Structures are given as C-alpha cells and as structure tokens.
Amino acid sequence: MSENYKTLAEMMAAWLGGAGSILFGSFAGRAMWHAVEARKGRRKLFGIEILYELPIAIGMAVIGDGLAGWLGLQQTAALALVAALSYLGPRGSEVMLSKWYGKKIVGE
C-alpha cells in the first residue's frame, strides 16, 4: 500500500507512531549536540558519554511534547520544537527561559 506524505514528520508519525517520532526527534537533537561537543574535542564521538544523553533526550521529549500540546502545534512543528529543546538540553532551556523572562519583567 503506497501512501503519500507531505513531510518527513508525517512519514515518521505513520511509521513510528506519534510517540516514536517525538522520541526520534529528541534523540536527533541530543545527537546533534553531542556531535558539536565531539567536534570541539570535549567528548569522544563514540564513547560511553553518548549513553548519558538518553535520559536527557527522553526527558526533553516529554517536556517538548507537553509544551507542543499546550501550544496546540501540529505534528511537524511539535517534532521541530522537541528536537530544538533536546539540542538545548535542560541547561540551555533554563538559560533561554531566564533571558526571555528577564526581558519580559524589565519591559513591563
């Protein structure tokens, strides 16, 4: 049975299901961050360090999926949001929110 998909996110959602595609996006985000760290020489590309990224990827997938649901985003936008949040990780998200929140308080 041949199906036509408009986006990669639609195809992944059909093949993996909604949760599977969100987790895939989260793992891709953490893998991108890990690759940047390896390029800078802070980590080995293939080492035990990559296993430490799994709990972060799962946690950021849950947070990102909840945020996407709260914002009412479609599957493609939700997947992009989860991948971006996973790339930032908990610390990057904290810094981003504190800068945004700090500017909002000053602007009021």
PDB file of N, CA and C in Angstrom:
ATOM      1  N   MET A   1       0.845  -1.168   0.000  1.00  0.00           N
ATOM      2  CA  MET A   1       0.000   0.000   0.000  1.00  0.00           C
ATOM      3  C   MET A   1       0.895   1.236   0.000  1.00  0.00           C
ATOM      4  N   SER A   2       0.752   2.038  -1.016  1.00  0.00           N
ATOM      5  CA  SER A   2       1.572   3.233  -1.154  1.00  0.00           C
ATOM      6  C   SER A   2       0.831   4.434  -0.569  1.00  0.00           C
ATOM      7  N   GLU A   3       1.525   5.165   0.287  1.00  0.00           N
ATOM      8  CA  GLU A   3       0.928   6.361   0.879  1.00  0.00           C
ATOM      9  C   GLU A   3       1.799   7.556   0.541  1.00  0.00           C
ATOM     10  N   ASN A   4       1.165   8.695   0.356  1.00  0.00           N
ATOM     11  CA  ASN A   4       1.900   9.923   0.074  1.00  0.00           C
ATOM     12  C   ASN A   4       1.987  10.751   1.345  1.00  0.00           C
ATOM     13  N   TYR A   5       3.189  11.203   1.636  1.00  0.00           N
ATOM     14  CA  TYR A   5       3.416  12.031   2.815  1.00  0.00           C
ATOM     15  C   TYR A   5       3.916  13.385   2.351  1.00  0.00           C
ATOM     16  N   LYS A   6       3.437  14.436   2.983  1.00  0.00           N
ATOM     17  CA  LYS A   6       3.867  15.783   2.627  1.00  0.00           C
ATOM     18  C   LYS A   6       5.164  16.158   3.320  1.00  0.00           C
ATOM     19  N   THR A   7       5.380  15.635   4.523  1.00  0.00           N
ATOM     20  CA  THR A   7       6.577  15.988   5.283  1.00  0.00           C
ATOM     21  C   THR A   7       7.218  14.739   5.865  1.00  0.00           C
ATOM     22  N   LEU A   8       8.466  14.894   6.246  1.00  0.00           N
ATOM     23  CA  LEU A   8       9.183  13.810   6.917  1.00  0.00           C
ATOM     24  C   LEU A   8       8.520  13.476   8.249  1.00  0.00           C
ATOM     25  N   ALA A   9       8.019  14.489   8.942  1.00  0.00           N
ATOM     26  CA  ALA A   9       7.353  14.258  10.227  1.00  0.00           C
ATOM     27  C   ALA A   9       6.102  13.401  10.054  1.00  0.00           C
ATOM     28  N   GLU A  10       5.347  13.610   8.989  1.00  0.00           N
ATOM     29  CA  GLU A  10       4.161  12.789   8.730  1.00  0.00           C
ATOM     30  C   GLU A  10       4.549  11.345   8.475  1.00  0.00           C
ATOM     31  N   MET A  11       5.620  11.140   7.712  1.00  0.00           N
ATOM     32  CA  MET A  11       6.071   9.789   7.420  1.00  0.00           C
ATOM     33  C   MET A  11       6.536   9.087   8.696  1.00  0.00           C
ATOM     34  N   MET A  12       7.315   9.799   9.523  1.00  0.00           N
ATOM     35  CA  MET A  12       7.794   9.194  10.762  1.00  0.00           C
ATOM     36  C   MET A  12       6.641   8.906  11.708  1.00  0.00           C
ATOM     37  N   ALA A  13       5.658   9.785  11.767  1.00  0.00           N
ATOM     38  CA  ALA A  13       4.497   9.552  12.629  1.00  0.00           C
ATOM     39  C   ALA A  13       3.714   8.329  12.161  1.00  0.00           C
ATOM     40  N   ALA A  14       3.619   8.133  10.844  1.00  0.00           N
ATOM     41  CA  ALA A  14       2.908   6.967  10.318  1.00  0.00           C
ATOM     42  C   ALA A  14       3.687   5.681  10.586  1.00  0.00           C
ATOM     43  N   TRP A  15       5.010   5.730  10.447  1.00  0.00           N
ATOM     44  CA  TRP A  15       5.832   4.532  10.633  1.00  0.00           C
ATOM     45  C   TRP A  15       6.069   4.219  12.106  1.00  0.00           C
ATOM     46  N   LEU A  16       6.391   5.231  12.889  1.00  0.00           N
ATOM     47  CA  LEU A  16       6.781   5.019  14.280  1.00  0.00           C
ATOM     48  C   LEU A  16       5.670   5.325  15.274  1.00  0.00           C
ATOM     49  N   GLY A  17       4.642   5.995  14.834  1.00  0.00           N
ATOM     50  CA  GLY A  17       3.618   6.483  15.751  1.00  0.00           C
ATOM     51  C   GLY A  17       4.031   7.842  16.275  1.00  0.00           C
ATOM     52  N   GLY A  18       3.108   8.524  16.922  1.00  0.00           N
ATOM     53  CA  GLY A  18       3.389   9.870  17.422  1.00  0.00           C
ATOM     54  C   GLY A  18       4.505   9.901  18.444  1.00  0.00           C
ATOM     55  N   ALA A  19       4.451   8.984  19.413  1.00  0.00           N
ATOM     56  CA  ALA A  19       5.481   8.956  20.460  1.00  0.00           C
ATOM     57  C   ALA A  19       6.838   8.573  19.886  1.00  0.00           C
ATOM     58  N   GLY A  20       6.844   7.639  18.946  1.00  0.00           N
ATOM     59  CA  GLY A  20       8.106   7.218  18.338  1.00  0.00           C
ATOM     60  C   GLY A  20       8.775   8.335  17.565  1.00  0.00           C
ATOM     61  N   SER A  21       7.986   9.104  16.835  1.00  0.00           N
ATOM     62  CA  SER A  21       8.576  10.202  16.065  1.00  0.00           C
ATOM     63  C   SER A  21       9.085  11.303  16.988  1.00  0.00           C
ATOM     64  N   ILE A  22       8.369  11.565  18.090  1.00  0.00           N
ATOM     65  CA  ILE A  22       8.828  12.574  19.046  1.00  0.00           C
ATOM     66  C   ILE A  22      10.134  12.122  19.694  1.00  0.00           C
ATOM     67  N   LEU A  23      10.218  10.847  20.085  1.00  0.00           N
ATOM     68  CA  LEU A  23      11.463  10.333  20.672  1.00  0.00           C
ATOM     69  C   LEU A  23      12.601  10.363  19.660  1.00  0.00           C
ATOM     70  N   PHE A  24      12.304  10.033  18.399  1.00  0.00           N
ATOM     71  CA  PHE A  24      13.332  10.094  17.360  1.00  0.00           C
ATOM     72  C   PHE A  24      13.858  11.518  17.208  1.00  0.00           C
ATOM     73  N   GLY A  25      12.955  12.491  17.193  1.00  0.00           N
ATOM     74  CA  GLY A  25      13.369  13.894  17.099  1.00  0.00           C
ATOM     75  C   GLY A  25      14.205  14.318  18.287  1.00  0.00           C
ATOM     76  N   SER A  26      13.841  13.828  19.460  1.00  0.00           N
ATOM     77  CA  SER A  26      14.595  14.155  20.663  1.00  0.00           C
ATOM     78  C   SER A  26      15.993  13.545  20.622  1.00  0.00           C
ATOM     79  N   PHE A  27      16.087  12.287  20.208  1.00  0.00           N
ATOM     80  CA  PHE A  27      17.402  11.644  20.091  1.00  0.00           C
ATOM     81  C   PHE A  27      18.250  12.340  19.032  1.00  0.00           C
ATOM     82  N   ALA A  28      17.620  12.787  17.944  1.00  0.00           N
ATOM     83  CA  ALA A  28      18.359  13.511  16.905  1.00  0.00           C
ATOM     84  C   ALA A  28      18.900  14.830  17.442  1.00  0.00           C
ATOM     85  N   GLY A  29      18.107  15.534  18.239  1.00  0.00           N
ATOM     86  CA  GLY A  29      18.570  16.789  18.838  1.00  0.00           C
ATOM     87  C   GLY A  29      19.764  16.583  19.753  1.00  0.00           C
ATOM     88  N   ARG A  30      19.706  15.548  20.602  1.00  0.00           N
ATOM     89  CA  ARG A  30      20.835  15.276  21.505  1.00  0.00           C
ATOM     90  C   ARG A  30      22.050  14.797  20.719  1.00  0.00           C
ATOM     91  N   ALA A  31      21.824  14.033  19.646  1.00  0.00           N
ATOM     92  CA  ALA A  31      22.941  13.571  18.820  1.00  0.00           C
ATOM     93  C   ALA A  31      23.637  14.750  18.145  1.00  0.00           C
ATOM     94  N   MET A  32      22.869  15.748  17.714  1.00  0.00           N
ATOM     95  CA  MET A  32      23.483  16.943  17.117  1.00  0.00           C
ATOM     96  C   MET A  32      24.340  17.669  18.143  1.00  0.00           C
ATOM     97  N   TRP A  33      23.829  17.809  19.370  1.00  0.00           N
ATOM     98  CA  TRP A  33      24.593  18.478  20.424  1.00  0.00           C
ATOM     99  C   TRP A  33      25.859  17.689  20.738  1.00  0.00           C
ATOM    100  N   HIS A  34      25.735  16.369  20.820  1.00  0.00           N
ATOM    101  CA  HIS A  34      26.889  15.516  21.118  1.00  0.00           C
ATOM    102  C   HIS A  34      27.941  15.624  20.009  1.00  0.00           C
ATOM    103  N   ALA A  35      27.503  15.693  18.767  1.00  0.00           N
ATOM    104  CA  ALA A  35      28.440  15.817  17.646  1.00  0.00           C
ATOM    105  C   ALA A  35      29.205  17.134  17.707  1.00  0.00           C
ATOM    106  N   VAL A  36      28.539  18.209  18.092  1.00  0.00           N
ATOM    107  CA  VAL A  36      29.217  19.503  18.238  1.00  0.00           C
ATOM    108  C   VAL A  36      30.262  19.424  19.344  1.00  0.00           C
ATOM    109  N   GLU A  37      29.907  18.801  20.467  1.00  0.00           N
ATOM    110  CA  GLU A  37      30.857  18.646  21.574  1.00  0.00           C
ATOM    111  C   GLU A  37      32.042  17.780  21.162  1.00  0.00           C
ATOM    112  N   ALA A  38      31.802  16.744  20.379  1.00  0.00           N
ATOM    113  CA  ALA A  38      32.890  15.887  19.899  1.00  0.00           C
ATOM    114  C   ALA A  38      33.792  16.654  18.936  1.00  0.00           C
ATOM    115  N   ARG A  39      33.205  17.476  18.093  1.00  0.00           N
ATOM    116  CA  ARG A  39      33.992  18.274  17.151  1.00  0.00           C
ATOM    117  C   ARG A  39      34.892  19.256  17.886  1.00  0.00           C
ATOM    118  N   LYS A  40      34.413  19.788  19.006  1.00  0.00           N
ATOM    119  CA  LYS A  40      35.209  20.721  19.805  1.00  0.00           C
ATOM    120  C   LYS A  40      36.244  20.009  20.664  1.00  0.00           C
ATOM    121  N   GLY A  41      36.215  18.677  20.685  1.00  0.00           N
ATOM    122  CA  GLY A  41      37.180  17.904  21.450  1.00  0.00           C
ATOM    123  C   GLY A  41      36.813  17.719  22.914  1.00  0.00           C
ATOM    124  N   ARG A  42      35.600  18.042  23.289  1.00  0.00           N
ATOM    125  CA  ARG A  42      35.169  17.905  24.682  1.00  0.00           C
ATOM    126  C   ARG A  42      34.673  16.506  25.008  1.00  0.00           C
ATOM    127  N   ARG A  43      34.313  15.736  23.986  1.00  0.00           N
ATOM    128  CA  ARG A  43      33.810  14.377  24.158  1.00  0.00           C
ATOM    129  C   ARG A  43      34.301  13.508  23.021  1.00  0.00           C
ATOM    130  N   LYS A  44      34.274  12.200  23.255  1.00  0.00           N
ATOM    131  CA  LYS A  44      34.552  11.255  22.182  1.00  0.00           C
ATOM    132  C   LYS A  44      33.270  11.076  21.378  1.00  0.00           C
ATOM    133  N   LEU A  45      33.414  10.914  20.071  1.00  0.00           N
ATOM    134  CA  LEU A  45      32.224  10.746  19.245  1.00  0.00           C
ATOM    135  C   LEU A  45      31.511   9.446  19.586  1.00  0.00           C
ATOM    136  N   PHE A  46      32.269   8.359  19.687  1.00  0.00           N
ATOM    137  CA  PHE A  46      31.703   7.065  20.063  1.00  0.00           C
ATOM    138  C   PHE A  46      32.310   6.650  21.384  1.00  0.00           C
ATOM    139  N   GLY A  47      31.601   6.904  22.448  1.00  0.00           N
ATOM    140  CA  GLY A  47      32.067   6.552  23.780  1.00  0.00           C
ATOM    141  C   GLY A  47      30.892   6.372  24.713  1.00  0.00           C
ATOM    142  N   ILE A  48      31.210   6.081  25.947  1.00  0.00           N
ATOM    143  CA  ILE A  48      30.179   5.862  26.954  1.00  0.00           C
ATOM    144  C   ILE A  48      29.368   7.132  27.201  1.00  0.00           C
ATOM    145  N   GLU A  49      29.938   8.287  26.860  1.00  0.00           N
ATOM    146  CA  GLU A  49      29.257   9.559  27.091  1.00  0.00           C
ATOM    147  C   GLU A  49      27.918   9.650  26.365  1.00  0.00           C
ATOM    148  N   ILE A  50      27.809   8.971  25.233  1.00  0.00           N
ATOM    149  CA  ILE A  50      26.567   9.037  24.463  1.00  0.00           C
ATOM    150  C   ILE A  50      25.406   8.420  25.238  1.00  0.00           C
ATOM    151  N   LEU A  51      25.693   7.466  26.109  1.00  0.00           N
ATOM    152  CA  LEU A  51      24.626   6.851  26.914  1.00  0.00           C
ATOM    153  C   LEU A  51      24.046   7.827  27.927  1.00  0.00           C
ATOM    154  N   TYR A  52      24.862   8.791  28.358  1.00  0.00           N
ATOM    155  CA  TYR A  52      24.376   9.789  29.308  1.00  0.00           C
ATOM    156  C   TYR A  52      23.347  10.722  28.676  1.00  0.00           C
ATOM    157  N   GLU A  53      23.297  10.749  27.366  1.00  0.00           N
ATOM    158  CA  GLU A  53      22.350  11.617  26.665  1.00  0.00           C
ATOM    159  C   GLU A  53      20.946  11.023  26.604  1.00  0.00           C
ATOM    160  N   LEU A  54      20.811   9.715  26.806  1.00  0.00           N
ATOM    161  CA  LEU A  54      19.497   9.073  26.690  1.00  0.00           C
ATOM    162  C   LEU A  54      18.470   9.600  27.689  1.00  0.00           C
ATOM    163  N   PRO A  55      18.790   9.688  28.996  1.00  0.00           N
ATOM    164  CA  PRO A  55      17.783  10.239  29.910  1.00  0.00           C
ATOM    165  C   PRO A  55      17.420  11.687  29.599  1.00  0.00           C
ATOM    166  N   ILE A  56      18.406  12.454  29.150  1.00  0.00           N
ATOM    167  CA  ILE A  56      18.132  13.848  28.791  1.00  0.00           C
ATOM    168  C   ILE A  56      17.210  13.897  27.579  1.00  0.00           C
ATOM    169  N   ALA A  57      17.483  13.049  26.584  1.00  0.00           N
ATOM    170  CA  ALA A  57      16.645  13.026  25.384  1.00  0.00           C
ATOM    171  C   ALA A  57      15.212  12.636  25.724  1.00  0.00           C
ATOM    172  N   ILE A  58      15.041  11.648  26.573  1.00  0.00           N
ATOM    173  CA  ILE A  58      13.688  11.217  26.944  1.00  0.00           C
ATOM    174  C   ILE A  58      12.981  12.311  27.740  1.00  0.00           C
ATOM    175  N   GLY A  59      13.682  12.902  28.687  1.00  0.00           N
ATOM    176  CA  GLY A  59      13.088  13.981  29.480  1.00  0.00           C
ATOM    177  C   GLY A  59      12.709  15.183  28.642  1.00  0.00           C
ATOM    178  N   MET A  60      13.581  15.576  27.728  1.00  0.00           N
ATOM    179  CA  MET A  60      13.274  16.723  26.880  1.00  0.00           C
ATOM    180  C   MET A  60      12.154  16.395  25.892  1.00  0.00           C
ATOM    181  N   ALA A  61      12.019  15.118  25.503  1.00  0.00           N
ATOM    182  CA  ALA A  61      10.900  14.721  24.643  1.00  0.00           C
ATOM    183  C   ALA A  61       9.580  14.891  25.378  1.00  0.00           C
ATOM    184  N   VAL A  62       9.550  14.498  26.645  1.00  0.00           N
ATOM    185  CA  VAL A  62       8.326  14.642  27.438  1.00  0.00           C
ATOM    186  C   VAL A  62       7.983  16.122  27.625  1.00  0.00           C
ATOM    187  N   ILE A  63       8.993  16.922  27.971  1.00  0.00           N
ATOM    188  CA  ILE A  63       8.773  18.357  28.170  1.00  0.00           C
ATOM    189  C   ILE A  63       8.336  19.023  26.864  1.00  0.00           C
ATOM    190  N   GLY A  64       9.047  18.726  25.784  1.00  0.00           N
ATOM    191  CA  GLY A  64       8.723  19.327  24.492  1.00  0.00           C
ATOM    192  C   GLY A  64       7.361  18.913  23.973  1.00  0.00           C
ATOM    193  N   ASP A  65       6.996  17.650  24.170  1.00  0.00           N
ATOM    194  CA  ASP A  65       5.686  17.190  23.724  1.00  0.00           C
ATOM    195  C   ASP A  65       4.574  17.855  24.531  1.00  0.00           C
ATOM    196  N   GLY A  66       4.801  18.026  25.817  1.00  0.00           N
ATOM    197  CA  GLY A  66       3.819  18.734  26.644  1.00  0.00           C
ATOM    198  C   GLY A  66       3.669  20.183  26.228  1.00  0.00           C
ATOM    199  N   LEU A  67       4.795  20.841  25.948  1.00  0.00           N
ATOM    200  CA  LEU A  67       4.757  22.232  25.506  1.00  0.00           C
ATOM    201  C   LEU A  67       4.077  22.355  24.148  1.00  0.00           C
ATOM    202  N   ALA A  68       4.376  21.413  23.249  1.00  0.00           N
ATOM    203  CA  ALA A  68       3.740  21.437  21.925  1.00  0.00           C
ATOM    204  C   ALA A  68       2.232  21.237  22.036  1.00  0.00           C
ATOM    205  N   GLY A  69       1.810  20.360  22.929  1.00  0.00           N
ATOM    206  CA  GLY A  69       0.378  20.165  23.152  1.00  0.00           C
ATOM    207  C   GLY A  69      -0.276  21.400  23.729  1.00  0.00           C
ATOM    208  N   TRP A  70       0.406  22.048  24.661  1.00  0.00           N
ATOM    209  CA  TRP A  70      -0.121  23.262  25.281  1.00  0.00           C
ATOM    210  C   TRP A  70      -0.238  24.395  24.264  1.00  0.00           C
ATOM    211  N   LEU A  71       0.745  24.469  23.353  1.00  0.00           N
ATOM    212  CA  LEU A  71       0.723  25.497  22.313  1.00  0.00           C
ATOM    213  C   LEU A  71      -0.209  25.137  21.159  1.00  0.00           C
ATOM    214  N   GLY A  72      -0.664  23.891  21.107  1.00  0.00           N
ATOM    215  CA  GLY A  72      -1.559  23.456  20.037  1.00  0.00           C
ATOM    216  C   GLY A  72      -0.857  23.283  18.702  1.00  0.00           C
ATOM    217  N   LEU A  73       0.386  22.837  18.718  1.00  0.00           N
ATOM    218  CA  LEU A  73       1.163  22.687  17.489  1.00  0.00           C
ATOM    219  C   LEU A  73       0.800  21.400  16.755  1.00  0.00           C
ATOM    220  N   GLN A  74       0.916  21.436  15.440  1.00  0.00           N
ATOM    221  CA  GLN A  74       0.731  20.244  14.623  1.00  0.00           C
ATOM    222  C   GLN A  74       1.964  19.351  14.751  1.00  0.00           C
ATOM    223  N   GLN A  75       1.896  18.145  14.170  1.00  0.00           N
ATOM    224  CA  GLN A  75       2.960  17.148  14.334  1.00  0.00           C
ATOM    225  C   GLN A  75       4.327  17.650  13.866  1.00  0.00           C
ATOM    226  N   THR A  76       4.385  18.301  12.709  1.00  0.00           N
ATOM    227  CA  THR A  76       5.668  18.769  12.184  1.00  0.00           C
ATOM    228  C   THR A  76       6.290  19.819  13.092  1.00  0.00           C
ATOM    229  N   ALA A  77       5.503  20.776  13.528  1.00  0.00           N
ATOM    230  CA  ALA A  77       6.014  21.820  14.417  1.00  0.00           C
ATOM    231  C   ALA A  77       6.372  21.248  15.783  1.00  0.00           C
ATOM    232  N   ALA A  78       5.599  20.285  16.264  1.00  0.00           N
ATOM    233  CA  ALA A  78       5.899  19.649  17.550  1.00  0.00           C
ATOM    234  C   ALA A  78       7.226  18.905  17.482  1.00  0.00           C
ATOM    235  N   LEU A  79       7.462  18.220  16.379  1.00  0.00           N
ATOM    236  CA  LEU A  79       8.718  17.493  16.205  1.00  0.00           C
ATOM    237  C   LEU A  79       9.902  18.454  16.169  1.00  0.00           C
ATOM    238  N   ALA A  80       9.742  19.571  15.477  1.00  0.00           N
ATOM    239  CA  ALA A  80      10.808  20.574  15.417  1.00  0.00           C
ATOM    240  C   ALA A  80      11.065  21.185  16.789  1.00  0.00           C
ATOM    241  N   LEU A  81      10.012  21.459  17.536  1.00  0.00           N
ATOM    242  CA  LEU A  81      10.161  22.013  18.880  1.00  0.00           C
ATOM    243  C   LEU A  81      10.894  21.039  19.793  1.00  0.00           C
ATOM    244  N   VAL A  82      10.531  19.775  19.739  1.00  0.00           N
ATOM    245  CA  VAL A  82      11.183  18.763  20.575  1.00  0.00           C
ATOM    246  C   VAL A  82      12.655  18.628  20.209  1.00  0.00           C
ATOM    247  N   ALA A  83      12.975  18.601  18.920  1.00  0.00           N
ATOM    248  CA  ALA A  83      14.374  18.493  18.502  1.00  0.00           C
ATOM    249  C   ALA A  83      15.179  19.707  18.957  1.00  0.00           C
ATOM    250  N   ALA A  84      14.600  20.893  18.845  1.00  0.00           N
ATOM    251  CA  ALA A  84      15.301  22.109  19.277  1.00  0.00           C
ATOM    252  C   ALA A  84      15.513  22.118  20.784  1.00  0.00           C
ATOM    253  N   LEU A  85      14.490  21.760  21.547  1.00  0.00           N
ATOM    254  CA  LEU A  85      14.638  21.714  23.003  1.00  0.00           C
ATOM    255  C   LEU A  85      15.633  20.643  23.428  1.00  0.00           C
ATOM    256  N   SER A  86      15.641  19.514  22.725  1.00  0.00           N
ATOM    257  CA  SER A  86      16.596  18.458  23.052  1.00  0.00           C
ATOM    258  C   SER A  86      18.018  18.891  22.747  1.00  0.00           C
ATOM    259  N   TYR A  87      18.191  19.641  21.669  1.00  0.00           N
ATOM    260  CA  TYR A  87      19.519  20.164  21.358  1.00  0.00           C
ATOM    261  C   TYR A  87      19.991  21.097  22.472  1.00  0.00           C
ATOM    262  N   LEU A  88      19.104  21.959  22.942  1.00  0.00           N
ATOM    263  CA  LEU A  88      19.462  22.884  24.018  1.00  0.00           C
ATOM    264  C   LEU A  88      19.708  22.155  25.330  1.00  0.00           C
ATOM    265  N   GLY A  89      18.916  21.136  25.592  1.00  0.00           N
ATOM    266  CA  GLY A  89      19.040  20.402  26.842  1.00  0.00           C
ATOM    267  C   GLY A  89      18.456  21.186  28.003  1.00  0.00           C
ATOM    268  N   PRO A  90      18.524  20.610  29.202  1.00  0.00           N
ATOM    269  CA  PRO A  90      17.942  21.288  30.363  1.00  0.00           C
ATOM    270  C   PRO A  90      18.614  22.622  30.678  1.00  0.00           C
ATOM    271  N   ARG A  91      19.920  22.659  30.612  1.00  0.00           N
ATOM    272  CA  ARG A  91      20.645  23.891  30.947  1.00  0.00           C
ATOM    273  C   ARG A  91      20.409  24.976  29.902  1.00  0.00           C
ATOM    274  N   GLY A  92      20.477  24.619  28.636  1.00  0.00           N
ATOM    275  CA  GLY A  92      20.231  25.596  27.580  1.00  0.00           C
ATOM    276  C   GLY A  92      18.818  26.143  27.617  1.00  0.00           C
ATOM    277  N   SER A  93      17.860  25.280  27.918  1.00  0.00           N
ATOM    278  CA  SER A  93      16.470  25.730  28.043  1.00  0.00           C
ATOM    279  C   SER A  93      16.305  26.673  29.218  1.00  0.00           C
ATOM    280  N   GLU A  94      16.990  26.360  30.323  1.00  0.00           N
ATOM    281  CA  GLU A  94      16.919  27.228  31.505  1.00  0.00           C
ATOM    282  C   GLU A  94      17.484  28.611  31.205  1.00  0.00           C
ATOM    283  N   VAL A  95      18.621  28.658  30.529  1.00  0.00           N
ATOM    284  CA  VAL A  95      19.238  29.938  30.181  1.00  0.00           C
ATOM    285  C   VAL A  95      18.333  30.725  29.236  1.00  0.00           C
ATOM    286  N   MET A  96      17.775  30.042  28.236  1.00  0.00           N
ATOM    287  CA  MET A  96      16.900  30.715  27.282  1.00  0.00           C
ATOM    288  C   MET A  96      15.663  31.290  27.977  1.00  0.00           C
ATOM    289  N   LEU A  97      15.034  30.506  28.843  1.00  0.00           N
ATOM    290  CA  LEU A  97      13.843  30.986  29.545  1.00  0.00           C
ATOM    291  C   LEU A  97      14.160  32.113  30.515  1.00  0.00           C
ATOM    292  N   SER A  98      15.298  32.030  31.199  1.00  0.00           N
ATOM    293  CA  SER A  98      15.635  33.093  32.150  1.00  0.00           C
ATOM    294  C   SER A  98      15.931  34.401  31.427  1.00  0.00           C
ATOM    295  N   LYS A  99      16.564  34.333  30.264  1.00  0.00           N
ATOM    296  CA  LYS A  99      16.806  35.555  29.488  1.00  0.00           C
ATOM    297  C   LYS A  99      15.498  36.123  28.957  1.00  0.00           C
ATOM    298  N   TRP A 100      14.623  35.261  28.460  1.00  0.00           N
ATOM    299  CA  TRP A 100      13.335  35.717  27.943  1.00  0.00           C
ATOM    300  C   TRP A 100      12.483  36.282  29.068  1.00  0.00           C
ATOM    301  N   TYR A 101      12.432  35.590  30.182  1.00  0.00           N
ATOM    302  CA  TYR A 101      11.623  36.028  31.317  1.00  0.00           C
ATOM    303  C   TYR A 101      12.187  37.312  31.915  1.00  0.00           C
ATOM    304  N   GLY A 102      13.507  37.423  31.977  1.00  0.00           N
ATOM    305  CA  GLY A 102      14.138  38.635  32.491  1.00  0.00           C
ATOM    306  C   GLY A 102      13.822  39.844  31.640  1.00  0.00           C
ATOM    307  N   LYS A 103      13.823  39.682  30.333  1.00  0.00           N
ATOM    308  CA  LYS A 103      13.484  40.791  29.441  1.00  0.00           C
ATOM    309  C   LYS A 103      12.014  41.162  29.558  1.00  0.00           C
ATOM    310  N   LYS A 104      11.159  40.180  29.796  1.00  0.00           N
ATOM    311  CA  LYS A 104       9.736  40.465  29.956  1.00  0.00           C
ATOM    312  C   LYS A 104       9.478  41.284  31.217  1.00  0.00           C
ATOM    313  N   ILE A 105      10.194  40.974  32.291  1.00  0.00           N
ATOM    314  CA  ILE A 105       9.999  41.700  33.548  1.00  0.00           C
ATOM    315  C   ILE A 105      10.477  43.142  33.400  1.00  0.00           C
ATOM    316  N   VAL A 106      11.639  43.338  32.776  1.00  0.00           N
ATOM    317  CA  VAL A 106      12.182  44.679  32.603  1.00  0.00           C
ATOM    318  C   VAL A 106      11.277  45.497  31.695  1.00  0.00           C
ATOM    319  N   GLY A 107      10.702  44.871  30.672  1.00  0.00           N
ATOM    320  CA  GLY A 107       9.861  45.577  29.711  1.00  0.00           C
ATOM    321  C   GLY A 107       8.500  45.961  30.250  1.00  0.00           C
ATOM    322  N   GLU A 108       8.081  45.386  31.357  1.00  0.00           N
ATOM    323  CA  GLU A 108       6.743  45.685  31.887  1.00  0.00           C
ATOM    324  C   GLU A 108       6.696  46.992  32.626  1.00  0.00           C
TER     325      GLU A 108
END
